[in-house]
PDB file of N, CA and C in Angstrom:
ATOM      1  N   MET A   1     128.677 155.358  53.699  1.00  0.00           N
ATOM      2  CA  MET A   1     127.461 154.982  54.357  1.00  0.00           C
ATOM      3  C   MET A   1     127.495 153.748  55.453  1.00  0.00           C
ATOM      4  N   GLN A   2     127.049 153.892  56.322  1.00  0.00           N
ATOM      5  CA  GLN A   2     126.996 152.782  57.326  1.00  0.00           C
ATOM      6  C   GLN A   2     126.281 151.276  57.054  1.00  0.00           C
ATOM      7  N   ILE A   3     126.646 150.461  57.138  1.00  0.00           N
ATOM      8  CA  ILE A   3     126.504 148.924  56.716  1.00  0.00           C
ATOM      9  C   ILE A   3     125.235 148.465  57.169  1.00  0.00           C
ATOM     10  N   PRO A   4     124.763 149.087  58.377  1.00  0.00           N
ATOM     11  CA  PRO A   4     123.025 148.911  58.820  1.00  0.00           C
ATOM     12  C   PRO A   4     122.154 149.596  57.623  1.00  0.00           C
ATOM     13  N   GLU A   5     122.796 150.466  57.075  1.00  0.00           N
ATOM     14  CA  GLU A   5     121.715 151.240  55.865  1.00  0.00           C
ATOM     15  C   GLU A   5     122.303 150.631  54.232  1.00  0.00           C
ATOM     16  N   LEU A   6     123.056 149.738  54.391  1.00  0.00           N
ATOM     17  CA  LEU A   6     123.101 149.170  53.182  1.00  0.00           C
ATOM     18  C   LEU A   6     121.946 148.486  52.445  1.00  0.00           C
ATOM     19  N   THR A   7     121.357 148.640  51.157  1.00  0.00           N
ATOM     20  CA  THR A   7     120.123 147.290  50.738  1.00  0.00           C
ATOM     21  C   THR A   7     121.511 145.999  50.504  1.00  0.00           C
ATOM     22  N   PHE A   8     120.543 145.386  50.169  1.00  0.00           N
ATOM     23  CA  PHE A   8     121.186 143.932  49.779  1.00  0.00           C
ATOM     24  C   PHE A   8     122.063 144.294  48.426  1.00  0.00           C
ATOM     25  N   ASN A   9     121.590 144.995  47.339  1.00  0.00           N
ATOM     26  CA  ASN A   9     122.098 144.947  46.423  1.00  0.00           C
ATOM     27  C   ASN A   9     123.749 145.982  46.416  1.00  0.00           C
ATOM     28  N   ASP A  10     123.517 146.626  47.399  1.00  0.00           N
ATOM     29  CA  ASP A  10     124.606 147.369  48.205  1.00  0.00           C
ATOM     30  C   ASP A  10     126.018 146.572  48.688  1.00  0.00           C
ATOM     31  N   ILE A  11     125.193 145.563  49.313  1.00  0.00           N
ATOM     32  CA  ILE A  11     126.292 144.246  49.715  1.00  0.00           C
ATOM     33  C   ILE A  11     126.455 143.487  48.929  1.00  0.00           C
ATOM     34  N   LYS A  12     125.969 143.125  48.095  1.00  0.00           N
ATOM     35  CA  LYS A  12     126.358 142.086  46.664  1.00  0.00           C
ATOM     36  C   LYS A  12     127.481 142.925  45.919  1.00  0.00           C
ATOM     37  N   LYS A  13     127.000 144.257  45.688  1.00  0.00           N
ATOM     38  CA  LYS A  13     128.084 145.145  44.801  1.00  0.00           C
ATOM     39  C   LYS A  13     129.342 145.003  45.486  1.00  0.00           C
ATOM     40  N   SER A  14     129.584 145.568  46.498  1.00  0.00           N
ATOM     41  CA  SER A  14     130.622 145.325  47.210  1.00  0.00           C
ATOM     42  C   SER A  14     131.506 144.690  47.502  1.00  0.00           C
ATOM     43  N   VAL A  15     130.832 143.453  47.564  1.00  0.00           N
ATOM     44  CA  VAL A  15     131.488 141.957  48.162  1.00  0.00           C
ATOM     45  C   VAL A  15     132.221 141.828  46.714  1.00  0.00           C
ATOM     46  N   LEU A  16     131.040 141.614  45.494  1.00  0.00           N
ATOM     47  CA  LEU A  16     131.803 141.382  44.523  1.00  0.00           C
ATOM     48  C   LEU A  16     133.110 142.163  43.928  1.00  0.00           C
ATOM     49  N   LYS A  17     132.846 143.750  44.496  1.00  0.00           N
ATOM     50  CA  LYS A  17     134.102 144.684  43.938  1.00  0.00           C
ATOM     51  C   LYS A  17     135.511 144.102  44.907  1.00  0.00           C
ATOM     52  N   ILE A  18     134.915 143.877  45.872  1.00  0.00           N
ATOM     53  CA  ILE A  18     135.922 143.588  46.959  1.00  0.00           C
ATOM     54  C   ILE A  18     136.880 142.426  46.639  1.00  0.00           C
ATOM     55  N   LYS A  19     135.938 141.483  46.304  1.00  0.00           N
ATOM     56  CA  LYS A  19     136.652 140.137  45.842  1.00  0.00           C
ATOM     57  C   LYS A  19     137.630 140.259  44.454  1.00  0.00           C
ATOM     58  N   LYS A  20     137.482 141.079  43.333  1.00  0.00           N
ATOM     59  CA  LYS A  20     138.432 141.590  42.296  1.00  0.00           C
ATOM     60  C   LYS A  20     139.628 141.719  43.145  1.00  0.00           C
ATOM     61  N   THR A  21     139.891 142.356  44.048  1.00  0.00           N
ATOM     62  CA  THR A  21     141.224 142.293  44.566  1.00  0.00           C
ATOM     63  C   THR A  21     141.692 141.203  45.484  1.00  0.00           C
ATOM     64  N   LYS A  22     141.103 140.231  45.522  1.00  0.00           N
ATOM     65  CA  LYS A  22     141.593 138.845  46.257  1.00  0.00           C
ATOM     66  C   LYS A  22     142.183 139.131  47.390  1.00  0.00           C
ATOM     67  N   PRO A  23     141.747 139.806  48.501  1.00  0.00           N
ATOM     68  CA  PRO A  23     141.913 139.785  49.671  1.00  0.00           C
ATOM     69  C   PRO A  23     142.067 138.382  50.669  1.00  0.00           C
ATOM     70  N   ASN A  24     142.775 138.679  51.693  1.00  0.00           N
ATOM     71  CA  ASN A  24     142.667 137.267  52.155  1.00  0.00           C
ATOM     72  C   ASN A  24     141.544 137.015  53.203  1.00  0.00           C
ATOM     73  N   ILE A  25     140.983 138.627  53.499  1.00  0.00           N
ATOM     74  CA  ILE A  25     139.871 138.151  54.940  1.00  0.00           C
ATOM     75  C   ILE A  25     139.117 139.588  54.321  1.00  0.00           C
ATOM     76  N   LEU A  26     137.849 139.452  54.147  1.00  0.00           N
ATOM     77  CA  LEU A  26     136.611 140.443  54.388  1.00  0.00           C
ATOM     78  C   LEU A  26     136.305 140.834  55.276  1.00  0.00           C
ATOM     79  N   TYR A  27     136.613 142.224  55.237  1.00  0.00           N
ATOM     80  CA  TYR A  27     136.185 142.698  57.321  1.00  0.00           C
ATOM     81  C   TYR A  27     135.236 143.809  57.404  1.00  0.00           C
ATOM     82  N   PHE A  28     134.074 143.656  57.807  1.00  0.00           N
ATOM     83  CA  PHE A  28     133.119 144.893  57.943  1.00  0.00           C
ATOM     84  C   PHE A  28     132.827 145.411  59.050  1.00  0.00           C
ATOM     85  N   ALA A  29     132.579 146.802  59.234  1.00  0.00           N
ATOM     86  CA  ALA A  29     132.559 147.391  60.683  1.00  0.00           C
ATOM     87  C   ALA A  29     131.193 147.639  60.828  1.00  0.00           C
ATOM     88  N   ASP A  30     131.133 147.936  61.920  1.00  0.00           N
ATOM     89  CA  ASP A  30     129.905 148.669  62.891  1.00  0.00           C
ATOM     90  C   ASP A  30     130.343 149.809  63.320  1.00  0.00           C
ATOM     91  N   SER A  31     130.890 150.653  62.220  1.00  0.00           N
ATOM     92  CA  SER A  31     131.115 151.809  62.527  1.00  0.00           C
ATOM     93  C   SER A  31     130.495 152.867  63.415  1.00  0.00           C
ATOM     94  N   LEU A  32     129.124 152.824  63.858  1.00  0.00           N
ATOM     95  CA  LEU A  32     128.471 153.765  64.426  1.00  0.00           C
ATOM     96  C   LEU A  32     127.837 153.200  65.856  1.00  0.00           C
ATOM     97  N   GLY A  33     127.969 151.631  66.000  1.00  0.00           N
ATOM     98  CA  GLY A  33     127.655 151.095  67.006  1.00  0.00           C
ATOM     99  C   GLY A  33     126.129 150.596  67.189  1.00  0.00           C
ATOM    100  N   SER A  34     125.290 150.824  65.924  1.00  0.00           N
ATOM    101  CA  SER A  34     124.157 150.185  66.200  1.00  0.00           C
ATOM    102  C   SER A  34     123.595 149.181  65.417  1.00  0.00           C
ATOM    103  N   LEU A  35     124.487 148.069  65.289  1.00  0.00           N
ATOM    104  CA  LEU A  35     124.231 146.666  65.272  1.00  0.00           C
ATOM    105  C   LEU A  35     123.858 146.087  66.315  1.00  0.00           C
ATOM    106  N   ASN A  36     122.704 145.336  66.171  1.00  0.00           N
ATOM    107  CA  ASN A  36     122.294 144.403  67.538  1.00  0.00           C
ATOM    108  C   ASN A  36     122.852 142.700  66.862  1.00  0.00           C
ATOM    109  N   ALA A  37     122.626 141.620  67.735  1.00  0.00           N
ATOM    110  CA  ALA A  37     123.042 140.503  67.347  1.00  0.00           C
ATOM    111  C   ALA A  37     122.101 139.972  66.180  1.00  0.00           C
ATOM    112  N   LYS A  38     121.031 140.186  65.823  1.00  0.00           N
ATOM    113  CA  LYS A  38     119.903 139.753  64.882  1.00  0.00           C
ATOM    114  C   LYS A  38     120.526 140.325  63.804  1.00  0.00           C
ATOM    115  N   LYS A  39     120.759 141.894  63.647  1.00  0.00           N
ATOM    116  CA  LYS A  39     121.182 142.450  62.216  1.00  0.00           C
ATOM    117  C   LYS A  39     122.513 142.034  61.960  1.00  0.00           C
ATOM    118  N   THR A  40     123.551 141.790  62.679  1.00  0.00           N
ATOM    119  CA  THR A  40     124.812 141.539  62.857  1.00  0.00           C
ATOM    120  C   THR A  40     124.776 140.048  61.918  1.00  0.00           C
ATOM    121  N   GLN A  41     123.851 139.160  62.596  1.00  0.00           N
ATOM    122  CA  GLN A  41     123.777 137.827  61.460  1.00  0.00           C
ATOM    123  C   GLN A  41     123.212 137.696  60.291  1.00  0.00           C
ATOM    124  N   GLN A  42     122.071 138.844  60.299  1.00  0.00           N
ATOM    125  CA  GLN A  42     121.716 139.325  58.873  1.00  0.00           C
ATOM    126  C   GLN A  42     122.505 139.523  57.796  1.00  0.00           C
ATOM    127  N   ILE A  43     123.349 140.593  58.100  1.00  0.00           N
ATOM    128  CA  ILE A  43     124.421 141.126  57.516  1.00  0.00           C
ATOM    129  C   ILE A  43     125.193 140.174  57.015  1.00  0.00           C
ATOM    130  N   ILE A  44     125.982 139.166  57.847  1.00  0.00           N
ATOM    131  CA  ILE A  44     126.782 138.158  57.475  1.00  0.00           C
ATOM    132  C   ILE A  44     126.002 137.049  56.575  1.00  0.00           C
ATOM    133  N   LYS A  45     124.638 136.649  56.709  1.00  0.00           N
ATOM    134  CA  LYS A  45     124.418 135.660  55.944  1.00  0.00           C
ATOM    135  C   LYS A  45     124.090 136.632  54.621  1.00  0.00           C
ATOM    136  N   LYS A  46     124.044 137.704  54.361  1.00  0.00           N
ATOM    137  CA  LYS A  46     124.056 138.469  53.149  1.00  0.00           C
ATOM    138  C   LYS A  46     125.453 138.477  52.354  1.00  0.00           C
ATOM    139  N   ILE A  47     126.153 139.260  53.467  1.00  0.00           N
ATOM    140  CA  ILE A  47     127.830 138.792  52.657  1.00  0.00           C
ATOM    141  C   ILE A  47     128.118 137.331  52.095  1.00  0.00           C
ATOM    142  N   ARG A  48     127.931 136.258  52.933  1.00  0.00           N
ATOM    143  CA  ARG A  48     128.325 134.832  52.976  1.00  0.00           C
ATOM    144  C   ARG A  48     127.913 134.321  51.357  1.00  0.00           C
ATOM    145  N   LEU A  49     126.974 135.107  51.128  1.00  0.00           N
ATOM    146  CA  LEU A  49     126.472 134.417  49.798  1.00  0.00           C
ATOM    147  C   LEU A  49     126.905 134.833  48.489  1.00  0.00           C
ATOM    148  N   PHE A  50     128.207 135.809  48.742  1.00  0.00           N
ATOM    149  CA  PHE A  50     128.890 136.232  47.708  1.00  0.00           C
ATOM    150  C   PHE A  50     130.420 135.946  48.150  1.00  0.00           C
ATOM    151  N   TRP A  51     130.637 135.705  49.508  1.00  0.00           N
ATOM    152  CA  TRP A  51     132.230 135.330  49.768  1.00  0.00           C
ATOM    153  C   TRP A  51     132.115 134.167  50.788  1.00  0.00           C
ATOM    154  N   LYS A  52     133.131 133.377  50.687  1.00  0.00           N
ATOM    155  CA  LYS A  52     133.429 132.106  51.072  1.00  0.00           C
ATOM    156  C   LYS A  52     134.252 132.208  52.233  1.00  0.00           C
ATOM    157  N   GLY A  53     135.566 133.166  51.718  1.00  0.00           N
ATOM    158  CA  GLY A  53     136.468 132.916  52.450  1.00  0.00           C
ATOM    159  C   GLY A  53     136.399 133.600  54.217  1.00  0.00           C
ATOM    160  N   SER A  54     137.851 134.329  54.849  1.00  0.00           N
ATOM    161  CA  SER A  54     137.733 134.452  56.444  1.00  0.00           C
ATOM    162  C   SER A  54     136.936 135.622  55.602  1.00  0.00           C
ATOM    163  N   MET A  55     136.300 136.165  57.372  1.00  0.00           N
ATOM    164  CA  MET A  55     135.868 137.090  57.397  1.00  0.00           C
ATOM    165  C   MET A  55     136.089 137.549  58.490  1.00  0.00           C
ATOM    166  N   GLY A  56     136.128 139.118  58.931  1.00  0.00           N
ATOM    167  CA  GLY A  56     136.045 139.424  60.320  1.00  0.00           C
ATOM    168  C   GLY A  56     135.308 140.890  60.364  1.00  0.00           C
ATOM    169  N   ILE A  57     135.005 141.543  61.826  1.00  0.00           N
ATOM    170  CA  ILE A  57     134.262 142.194  62.491  1.00  0.00           C
ATOM    171  C   ILE A  57     134.987 143.126  63.130  1.00  0.00           C
ATOM    172  N   HIS A  58     134.389 144.263  63.138  1.00  0.00           N
ATOM    173  CA  HIS A  58     135.051 145.558  63.829  1.00  0.00           C
ATOM    174  C   HIS A  58     133.612 146.321  64.387  1.00  0.00           C
ATOM    175  N   THR A  59     133.510 146.327  65.953  1.00  0.00           N
ATOM    176  CA  THR A  59     132.495 146.395  66.169  1.00  0.00           C
ATOM    177  C   THR A  59     132.469 147.819  67.370  1.00  0.00           C
ATOM    178  N   HIS A  60     131.407 148.571  67.162  1.00  0.00           N
ATOM    179  CA  HIS A  60     131.938 149.551  68.505  1.00  0.00           C
ATOM    180  C   HIS A  60     130.682 149.481  69.451  1.00  0.00           C
ATOM    181  N   ASP A  61     131.003 150.516  70.461  1.00  0.00           N
ATOM    182  CA  ASP A  61     130.169 149.877  71.795  1.00  0.00           C
ATOM    183  C   ASP A  61     128.905 151.187  71.985  1.00  0.00           C
ATOM    184  N   ASN A  62     128.740 151.861  71.137  1.00  0.00           N
ATOM    185  CA  ASN A  62     127.943 152.983  71.261  1.00  0.00           C
ATOM    186  C   ASN A  62     126.479 152.307  72.109  1.00  0.00           C
ATOM    187  N   MET A  63     125.879 151.162  71.803  1.00  0.00           N
ATOM    188  CA  MET A  63     124.605 150.902  72.167  1.00  0.00           C
ATOM    189  C   MET A  63     124.983 149.936  73.277  1.00  0.00           C
ATOM    190  N   GLY A  64     126.303 149.590  73.800  1.00  0.00           N
ATOM    191  CA  GLY A  64     126.535 148.290  75.043  1.00  0.00           C
ATOM    192  C   GLY A  64     126.498 147.293  74.120  1.00  0.00           C
ATOM    193  N   LYS A  65     126.661 146.821  72.988  1.00  0.00           N
ATOM    194  CA  LYS A  65     126.255 145.577  71.877  1.00  0.00           C
ATOM    195  C   LYS A  65     127.320 145.392  71.325  1.00  0.00           C
ATOM    196  N   ALA A  66     128.748 145.677  71.577  1.00  0.00           N
ATOM    197  CA  ALA A  66     129.977 145.646  70.903  1.00  0.00           C
ATOM    198  C   ALA A  66     130.309 143.819  71.202  1.00  0.00           C
ATOM    199  N   LEU A  67     130.418 143.667  72.636  1.00  0.00           N
ATOM    200  CA  LEU A  67     130.603 142.008  72.493  1.00  0.00           C
ATOM    201  C   LEU A  67     129.621 140.795  72.076  1.00  0.00           C
ATOM    202  N   GLU A  68     128.437 141.621  72.629  1.00  0.00           N
ATOM    203  CA  GLU A  68     126.958 140.623  71.733  1.00  0.00           C
ATOM    204  C   GLU A  68     127.279 140.702  70.465  1.00  0.00           C
ATOM    205  N   ASN A  69     127.480 141.651  69.658  1.00  0.00           N
ATOM    206  CA  ASN A  69     127.628 141.244  68.305  1.00  0.00           C
ATOM    207  C   ASN A  69     128.814 140.530  67.978  1.00  0.00           C
ATOM    208  N   SER A  70     130.056 140.689  68.544  1.00  0.00           N
ATOM    209  CA  SER A  70     131.360 139.822  68.424  1.00  0.00           C
ATOM    210  C   SER A  70     130.798 138.522  68.227  1.00  0.00           C
ATOM    211  N   ILE A  71     130.286 138.417  69.612  1.00  0.00           N
ATOM    212  CA  ILE A  71     129.778 136.708  69.722  1.00  0.00           C
ATOM    213  C   ILE A  71     128.946 136.335  68.819  1.00  0.00           C
ATOM    214  N   SER A  72     127.632 137.130  68.464  1.00  0.00           N
ATOM    215  CA  SER A  72     127.009 136.879  67.255  1.00  0.00           C
ATOM    216  C   SER A  72     127.376 136.385  66.101  1.00  0.00           C
ATOM    217  N   ALA A  73     128.948 137.433  65.810  1.00  0.00           N
ATOM    218  CA  ALA A  73     129.409 137.239  64.556  1.00  0.00           C
ATOM    219  C   ALA A  73     130.086 135.678  64.474  1.00  0.00           C
ATOM    220  N   MET A  74     130.877 135.423  65.480  1.00  0.00           N
ATOM    221  CA  MET A  74     131.410 134.177  65.863  1.00  0.00           C
ATOM    222  C   MET A  74     130.518 132.879  65.654  1.00  0.00           C
ATOM    223  N   LYS A  75     129.485 132.841  66.022  1.00  0.00           N
ATOM    224  CA  LYS A  75     128.578 131.930  66.026  1.00  0.00           C
ATOM    225  C   LYS A  75     128.212 131.708  64.570  1.00  0.00           C
ATOM    226  N   ASN A  76     128.225 132.577  63.700  1.00  0.00           N
ATOM    227  CA  ASN A  76     127.687 132.837  62.341  1.00  0.00           C
ATOM    228  C   ASN A  76     128.819 132.986  61.362  1.00  0.00           C
ATOM    229  N   SER A  77     130.133 132.107  61.593  1.00  0.00           N
ATOM    230  CA  SER A  77     131.368 132.144  60.523  1.00  0.00           C
ATOM    231  C   SER A  77     132.272 132.767  60.391  1.00  0.00           C
ATOM    232  N   VAL A  78     132.222 134.019  61.416  1.00  0.00           N
ATOM    233  CA  VAL A  78     133.132 134.919  61.709  1.00  0.00           C
ATOM    234  C   VAL A  78     134.360 134.513  62.087  1.00  0.00           C
ATOM    235  N   GLU A  79     135.757 134.730  61.662  1.00  0.00           N
ATOM    236  CA  GLU A  79     136.968 134.125  62.567  1.00  0.00           C
ATOM    237  C   GLU A  79     137.590 135.121  62.823  1.00  0.00           C
ATOM    238  N   TRP A  80     137.435 136.471  62.727  1.00  0.00           N
ATOM    239  CA  TRP A  80     138.452 137.664  63.159  1.00  0.00           C
ATOM    240  C   TRP A  80     137.095 138.405  63.976  1.00  0.00           C
ATOM    241  N   ILE A  81     137.829 138.535  65.298  1.00  0.00           N
ATOM    242  CA  ILE A  81     137.067 139.623  65.717  1.00  0.00           C
ATOM    243  C   ILE A  81     138.554 140.580  66.215  1.00  0.00           C
ATOM    244  N   ASP A  82     137.875 141.984  66.307  1.00  0.00           N
ATOM    245  CA  ASP A  82     138.631 143.218  66.637  1.00  0.00           C
ATOM    246  C   ASP A  82     138.227 143.379  68.116  1.00  0.00           C
ATOM    247  N   ALA A  83     139.093 143.474  69.118  1.00  0.00           N
ATOM    248  CA  ALA A  83     139.066 144.036  70.243  1.00  0.00           C
ATOM    249  C   ALA A  83     140.264 144.829  70.910  1.00  0.00           C
ATOM    250  N   THR A  84     139.750 145.638  71.879  1.00  0.00           N
ATOM    251  CA  THR A  84     140.712 146.638  72.300  1.00  0.00           C
ATOM    252  C   THR A  84     140.744 146.321  73.856  1.00  0.00           C
ATOM    253  N   VAL A  85     142.003 146.394  74.501  1.00  0.00           N
ATOM    254  CA  VAL A  85     142.248 146.415  76.117  1.00  0.00           C
ATOM    255  C   VAL A  85     141.524 147.746  76.488  1.00  0.00           C
ATOM    256  N   THR A  86     140.657 147.386  77.581  1.00  0.00           N
ATOM    257  CA  THR A  86     139.302 148.175  78.135  1.00  0.00           C
ATOM    258  C   THR A  86     138.242 148.747  76.883  1.00  0.00           C
ATOM    259  N   GLY A  87     138.679 148.000  75.962  1.00  0.00           N
ATOM    260  CA  GLY A  87     137.360 148.973  74.590  1.00  0.00           C
ATOM    261  C   GLY A  87     137.879 150.046  74.111  1.00  0.00           C
ATOM    262  N   MET A  88     139.121 150.772  74.594  1.00  0.00           N
ATOM    263  CA  MET A  88     139.585 151.848  74.044  1.00  0.00           C
ATOM    264  C   MET A  88     139.552 151.924  72.893  1.00  0.00           C
ATOM    265  N   GLY A  89     138.883 152.895  72.463  1.00  0.00           N
ATOM    266  CA  GLY A  89     138.638 153.336  70.486  1.00  0.00           C
ATOM    267  C   GLY A  89     137.720 154.662  70.557  1.00  0.00           C
ATOM    268  N   ARG A  90     137.201 155.025  69.444  1.00  0.00           N
ATOM    269  CA  ARG A  90     136.594 155.889  69.293  1.00  0.00           C
ATOM    270  C   ARG A  90     134.982 156.397  70.242  1.00  0.00           C
ATOM    271  N   GLY A  91     135.024 157.382  70.417  1.00  0.00           N
ATOM    272  CA  GLY A  91     133.457 157.151  70.893  1.00  0.00           C
ATOM    273  C   GLY A  91     133.277 156.613  72.178  1.00  0.00           C
ATOM    274  N   PRO A  92     132.344 155.899  72.591  1.00  0.00           N
ATOM    275  CA  PRO A  92     132.282 154.651  73.590  1.00  0.00           C
ATOM    276  C   PRO A  92     133.354 153.096  73.481  1.00  0.00           C
ATOM    277  N   GLY A  93     134.084 153.249  72.372  1.00  0.00           N
ATOM    278  CA  GLY A  93     135.243 152.425  72.597  1.00  0.00           C
ATOM    279  C   GLY A  93     134.350 151.042  71.626  1.00  0.00           C
ATOM    280  N   ASN A  94     135.373 150.226  71.684  1.00  0.00           N
ATOM    281  CA  ASN A  94     134.971 148.876  70.938  1.00  0.00           C
ATOM    282  C   ASN A  94     134.886 147.735  71.902  1.00  0.00           C
ATOM    283  N   THR A  95     134.714 146.418  71.462  1.00  0.00           N
ATOM    284  CA  THR A  95     134.522 145.224  72.231  1.00  0.00           C
ATOM    285  C   THR A  95     135.925 145.229  73.189  1.00  0.00           C
ATOM    286  N   LYS A  96     135.616 145.253  74.363  1.00  0.00           N
ATOM    287  CA  LYS A  96     136.561 144.849  75.358  1.00  0.00           C
ATOM    288  C   LYS A  96     137.374 143.384  74.860  1.00  0.00           C
ATOM    289  N   THR A  97     138.564 143.749  75.135  1.00  0.00           N
ATOM    290  CA  THR A  97     139.572 142.571  75.099  1.00  0.00           C
ATOM    291  C   THR A  97     139.215 141.364  76.153  1.00  0.00           C
ATOM    292  N   GLU A  98     139.581 142.128  77.560  1.00  0.00           N
ATOM    293  CA  GLU A  98     138.830 141.370  78.606  1.00  0.00           C
ATOM    294  C   GLU A  98     137.561 140.572  78.843  1.00  0.00           C
ATOM    295  N   TYR A  99     136.862 141.219  78.121  1.00  0.00           N
ATOM    296  CA  TYR A  99     135.493 140.396  78.516  1.00  0.00           C
ATOM    297  C   TYR A  99     135.216 139.496  77.342  1.00  0.00           C
ATOM    298  N   ALA A 100     136.002 139.856  76.208  1.00  0.00           N
ATOM    299  CA  ALA A 100     135.731 139.020  74.852  1.00  0.00           C
ATOM    300  C   ALA A 100     136.552 137.513  75.507  1.00  0.00           C
ATOM    301  N   ILE A 101     138.150 137.663  76.008  1.00  0.00           N
ATOM    302  CA  ILE A 101     138.351 136.411  76.347  1.00  0.00           C
ATOM    303  C   ILE A 101     137.495 135.563  77.525  1.00  0.00           C
ATOM    304  N   LEU A 102     136.945 136.090  78.441  1.00  0.00           N
ATOM    305  CA  LEU A 102     136.008 135.455  79.341  1.00  0.00           C
ATOM    306  C   LEU A 102     134.925 135.018  78.727  1.00  0.00           C
ATOM    307  N   GLU A 103     134.445 135.687  77.818  1.00  0.00           N
ATOM    308  CA  GLU A 103     133.115 135.069  77.058  1.00  0.00           C
ATOM    309  C   GLU A 103     133.479 133.769  76.112  1.00  0.00           C
ATOM    310  N   PHE A 104     134.070 134.060  75.245  1.00  0.00           N
ATOM    311  CA  PHE A 104     134.802 133.045  74.436  1.00  0.00           C
ATOM    312  C   PHE A 104     135.175 131.817  75.040  1.00  0.00           C
ATOM    313  N   LYS A 105     135.696 132.064  75.863  1.00  0.00           N
ATOM    314  CA  LYS A 105     136.111 130.734  76.867  1.00  0.00           C
ATOM    315  C   LYS A 105     134.948 130.291  77.064  1.00  0.00           C
ATOM    316  N   ASN A 106     134.130 130.840  77.830  1.00  0.00           N
ATOM    317  CA  ASN A 106     132.861 130.393  78.404  1.00  0.00           C
ATOM    318  C   ASN A 106     131.997 129.532  77.625  1.00  0.00           C
ATOM    319  N   LYS A 107     131.887 129.957  76.161  1.00  0.00           N
ATOM    320  CA  LYS A 107     130.786 129.524  75.457  1.00  0.00           C
ATOM    321  C   LYS A 107     131.604 129.082  74.213  1.00  0.00           C
ATOM    322  N   LYS A 108     132.911 128.554  74.621  1.00  0.00           N
ATOM    323  CA  LYS A 108     133.724 127.533  74.183  1.00  0.00           C
ATOM    324  C   LYS A 108     133.738 128.118  72.477  1.00  0.00           C
ATOM    325  N   LEU A 109     133.624 129.693  72.303  1.00  0.00           N
ATOM    326  CA  LEU A 109     134.186 130.296  71.242  1.00  0.00           C
ATOM    327  C   LEU A 109     135.237 130.629  70.744  1.00  0.00           C
ATOM    328  N   TYR A 110     136.411 130.029  71.021  1.00  0.00           N
ATOM    329  CA  TYR A 110     137.597 130.117  70.703  1.00  0.00           C
ATOM    330  C   TYR A 110     138.267 129.061  70.227  1.00  0.00           C
ATOM    331  N   TRP A 111     139.545 129.227  70.003  1.00  0.00           N
ATOM    332  CA  TRP A 111     140.406 128.503  69.116  1.00  0.00           C
ATOM    333  C   TRP A 111     141.705 128.178  70.158  1.00  0.00           C
ATOM    334  N   ASN A 112     142.505 129.059  70.109  1.00  0.00           N
ATOM    335  CA  ASN A 112     144.014 128.675  71.207  1.00  0.00           C
ATOM    336  C   ASN A 112     144.152 129.602  71.988  1.00  0.00           C
ATOM    337  N   LEU A 113     143.060 130.304  72.826  1.00  0.00           N
ATOM    338  CA  LEU A 113     143.010 131.274  73.815  1.00  0.00           C
ATOM    339  C   LEU A 113     143.579 130.626  75.203  1.00  0.00           C
TER     340      LEU A 113
END
């Protein structure tokens, strides 16, 4: 099931199950590239109710919103952002590394770039 289709209880159950394995980072993916910035923020807030550790996101660019969703995620406490050179990836691809670096620098959304 894709993350935009998960209910609050689905997210809660998933996060609590994942926590039992004691991971260092919890990642979620927009596998079909159907999220927007607001929905990304809502999902992060739901996850954060049950997960306080490091979090990452993997976005796809089906609707041309991969970078926008990555920025939204960073503004909402996500530390790990997947990106690929020229956005290479399945379908229309992922967040483009080149654009992500420029955006993160312009918005001061970076640590050691």
